[in-house]
């Protein structure tokens, strides 16, 4: 199936759009505390993009493949090359693009990049239990639930459990019909 989305490296010109997504409580509601609990400006996001350390993270802008129009952000962070592992995250910032199944496609592209380009062995993701859409797209992309942190996030004045999920290189390759070590 042809991809509907593309990932490109996040650049300083993306900062105003990313800041607007991060500043929208509805968009950022289930993101990590780093996003939910800080104030973002185009200048602060541009500074973060400029200071991004590729040994720790890879930040992408998610674009519609046909038009190149940005609709979200995704990345691989908490990168530990000594252990060949990292965490993935994604955000569809354009609300009119919600509900179109893009989350799974983003996660699949991140996994492909992590395992095939970076040579990682394990990916990790988290999602608030109140965010079943995110959990579902991670699971449909091959991630497995491995645990729950109880009452971990304070979202809207309520303590919400956080689901842990992971995907190993072995499982990724098996899903593609390949067996490599």
Protein backbone atom coordinates (compact mmCIF):
# COMPACT_ATOMS: atom_id res chain seq x y z
CA UNK A 1 0.00 0.00 0.00
CA UNK A 2 1.29 3.46 -0.87
CA UNK A 3 2.14 5.61 2.09
CA UNK A 4 -0.10 8.58 2.74
CA UNK A 5 2.46 10.23 5.00
CA UNK A 6 6.12 11.11 4.99
CA UNK A 7 8.54 11.90 7.80
CA UNK A 8 11.10 14.62 7.32
CA UNK A 9 13.61 16.09 9.74
CA UNK A 10 12.01 18.82 11.85
CA UNK A 11 13.53 22.19 10.93
CA UNK A 12 13.42 25.64 12.55
CA UNK A 13 10.76 26.76 10.07
CA UNK A 14 8.41 24.19 11.67
CA UNK A 15 8.66 25.91 15.07
CA UNK A 16 5.54 28.13 14.84
CA UNK A 17 3.36 25.19 13.84
CA UNK A 18 4.81 22.84 16.48
CA UNK A 19 4.41 25.55 19.13
CA UNK A 20 0.75 25.99 18.15
CA UNK A 21 0.12 22.23 18.45
CA UNK A 22 1.89 21.98 21.81
CA UNK A 23 -0.01 25.02 23.08
CA UNK A 24 -3.42 23.54 22.23
CA UNK A 25 -4.63 21.69 25.36
CA UNK A 26 -6.83 19.35 23.29
CA UNK A 27 -3.93 18.34 21.02
CA UNK A 28 -1.35 18.01 23.80
CA UNK A 29 -3.70 16.46 26.38
CA UNK A 30 -2.08 13.00 26.36
CA UNK A 31 1.49 13.97 25.55
CA UNK A 32 4.27 13.59 28.11
CA UNK A 33 4.48 15.97 31.03
CA UNK A 34 7.26 17.79 29.16
CA UNK A 35 4.73 18.89 26.54
CA UNK A 36 1.64 19.18 28.75
CA UNK A 37 3.24 21.18 31.55
CA UNK A 38 5.31 23.77 29.71
CA UNK A 39 4.60 26.89 27.73
CA UNK A 40 5.79 26.86 24.14
CA UNK A 41 6.53 29.73 21.81
CA UNK A 42 7.87 29.60 18.26
CA UNK A 43 11.16 30.88 19.66
CA UNK A 44 11.41 28.20 22.37
CA UNK A 45 10.60 25.41 19.90
CA UNK A 46 13.09 26.79 17.36
CA UNK A 47 15.74 26.83 20.11
CA UNK A 48 14.93 23.21 21.07
CA UNK A 49 15.12 22.09 17.44
CA UNK A 50 18.47 23.85 17.05
CA UNK A 51 19.83 22.22 20.20
CA UNK A 52 18.49 18.74 19.38
CA UNK A 53 21.18 16.12 19.98
CA UNK A 54 21.08 13.28 17.41
CA UNK A 55 22.79 11.02 19.95
CA UNK A 56 19.65 11.38 22.11
CA UNK A 57 16.77 12.05 19.72
CA UNK A 58 15.59 12.23 16.12
CA UNK A 59 12.76 14.70 15.58
CA UNK A 60 10.49 14.56 12.55
CA UNK A 61 7.70 16.59 11.06
CA UNK A 62 4.86 14.40 9.79
CA UNK A 63 3.63 15.53 6.38
CA UNK A 64 0.96 14.44 3.94
CA UNK A 65 2.92 12.59 1.24
CA UNK A 66 1.03 14.09 -1.68
CA UNK A 67 1.09 17.77 -0.71
CA UNK A 68 3.97 17.92 1.78
CA UNK A 69 1.65 19.75 4.20
CA UNK A 70 2.75 19.28 7.85
CA UNK A 71 0.13 17.65 10.07
CA UNK A 72 2.10 16.53 13.11
CA UNK A 73 5.32 15.69 14.82
CA UNK A 74 6.98 12.39 15.69
CA UNK A 75 10.28 11.22 17.00
CA UNK A 76 12.60 8.73 18.49
CA UNK A 77 14.06 9.87 21.80
CA UNK A 78 15.61 8.56 25.00
CA UNK A 79 18.05 6.93 22.58
CA UNK A 80 20.61 4.66 24.22
CA UNK A 81 22.88 3.27 21.52
CA UNK A 82 24.82 1.12 24.00
CA UNK A 83 21.62 -0.86 24.57
CA UNK A 84 20.20 -0.29 21.05
CA UNK A 85 16.93 1.07 22.41
CA UNK A 86 14.76 4.16 22.28
CA UNK A 87 11.27 5.51 22.85
CA UNK A 88 8.91 6.63 20.09
CA UNK A 89 6.32 9.41 20.23
CA UNK A 90 3.89 10.96 17.79
CA UNK A 91 1.36 13.76 17.65
CA UNK A 92 -1.16 14.60 14.97
CA UNK A 93 -1.49 18.33 15.49
CA UNK A 94 -4.00 19.15 12.78
CA UNK A 95 -7.36 18.20 14.28
CA UNK A 96 -9.04 17.85 10.88
CA UNK A 97 -6.58 14.97 10.25
CA UNK A 98 -7.65 13.04 13.37
CA UNK A 99 -9.45 9.74 12.91
CA UNK A 100 -7.90 8.91 9.53
CA UNK A 101 -5.64 6.08 10.73
CA UNK A 102 -2.45 8.11 10.45
CA UNK A 103 -1.19 7.12 13.90
CA UNK A 104 -0.47 3.55 12.90
CA UNK A 105 1.29 4.67 9.74
CA UNK A 106 3.48 7.07 11.72
CA UNK A 107 4.41 4.34 14.22
CA UNK A 108 5.20 1.91 11.39
CA UNK A 109 7.49 4.50 9.74
CA UNK A 110 9.24 5.18 13.05
CA UNK A 111 9.77 1.44 13.60
CA UNK A 112 11.13 1.01 10.08
CA UNK A 113 13.55 3.90 10.58
CA UNK A 114 14.61 2.69 14.05
CA UNK A 115 15.19 -0.94 13.09
CA UNK A 116 16.33 -0.65 9.48
CA UNK A 117 18.20 2.68 9.43
CA UNK A 118 19.44 3.01 13.00
CA UNK A 119 19.89 -0.70 13.75
CA UNK A 120 18.07 -0.53 17.08
CA UNK A 121 16.94 -3.65 18.91
CA UNK A 122 14.04 -2.40 21.04
CA UNK A 123 11.46 0.38 20.96
CA UNK A 124 9.33 1.57 23.81
CA UNK A 125 6.16 3.67 23.93
CA UNK A 126 3.71 4.88 26.53
CA UNK A 127 0.11 6.02 26.32
CA UNK A 128 -2.40 7.22 28.86
CA UNK A 129 -5.09 4.61 29.50
CA UNK A 130 -7.62 7.33 28.62
CA UNK A 131 -6.15 7.48 25.10
CA UNK A 132 -7.40 4.23 23.51
CA UNK A 133 -6.77 5.52 19.98
CA UNK A 134 -3.04 5.82 20.67
CA UNK A 135 -2.88 2.43 22.38
CA UNK A 136 -4.75 0.82 19.50
CA UNK A 137 -2.52 2.27 16.78
CA UNK A 138 0.61 1.17 18.66
CA UNK A 139 -0.78 -2.35 19.04
CA UNK A 140 -1.85 -2.51 15.37
CA UNK A 141 1.70 -1.48 14.45
CA UNK A 142 3.05 -4.50 16.39
CA UNK A 143 3.72 -3.10 19.86
CA UNK A 144 2.77 -5.29 22.83
CA UNK A 145 1.52 -4.15 26.23
CA UNK A 146 4.11 -4.91 28.87
CA UNK A 147 2.75 -3.12 31.92
CA UNK A 148 0.94 -0.23 33.54
CA UNK A 149 2.14 2.60 35.76
CA UNK A 150 -0.81 3.26 38.01
CA UNK A 151 -2.08 6.81 38.50
CA UNK A 152 1.05 8.14 36.82
CA UNK A 153 -0.17 11.23 34.96
CA UNK A 154 -2.25 14.08 36.30
CA UNK A 155 -4.45 14.94 33.33
CA UNK A 156 -7.20 17.45 33.88
CA UNK A 157 -7.01 17.05 37.65
CA UNK A 158 -7.34 13.24 37.51
CA UNK A 159 -4.61 10.69 38.05
CA UNK A 160 -4.53 8.43 35.00
CA UNK A 161 -2.73 5.11 34.47
CA UNK A 162 -0.06 4.92 31.79
CA UNK A 163 0.27 1.85 29.57
CA UNK A 164 3.77 0.62 28.62
CA UNK A 165 4.28 -0.99 25.23
CA UNK A 166 7.31 -2.28 23.37
CA UNK A 167 8.41 -3.73 20.06
CA UNK A 168 11.58 -5.72 19.54
CA UNK A 169 13.61 -6.03 16.37
CA UNK A 170 12.85 -9.76 16.34
CA UNK A 171 9.09 -9.14 16.44
CA UNK A 172 9.37 -6.39 13.83
CA UNK A 173 11.27 -8.66 11.43
CA UNK A 174 8.91 -11.59 12.07
CA UNK A 175 5.96 -9.36 11.15
CA UNK A 176 7.71 -8.66 7.85
CA UNK A 177 8.36 -12.37 7.27
CA UNK A 178 12.09 -12.00 7.91
CA UNK A 179 14.29 -13.65 10.49
CA UNK A 180 17.60 -11.89 11.05
CA UNK A 181 19.75 -11.45 14.13
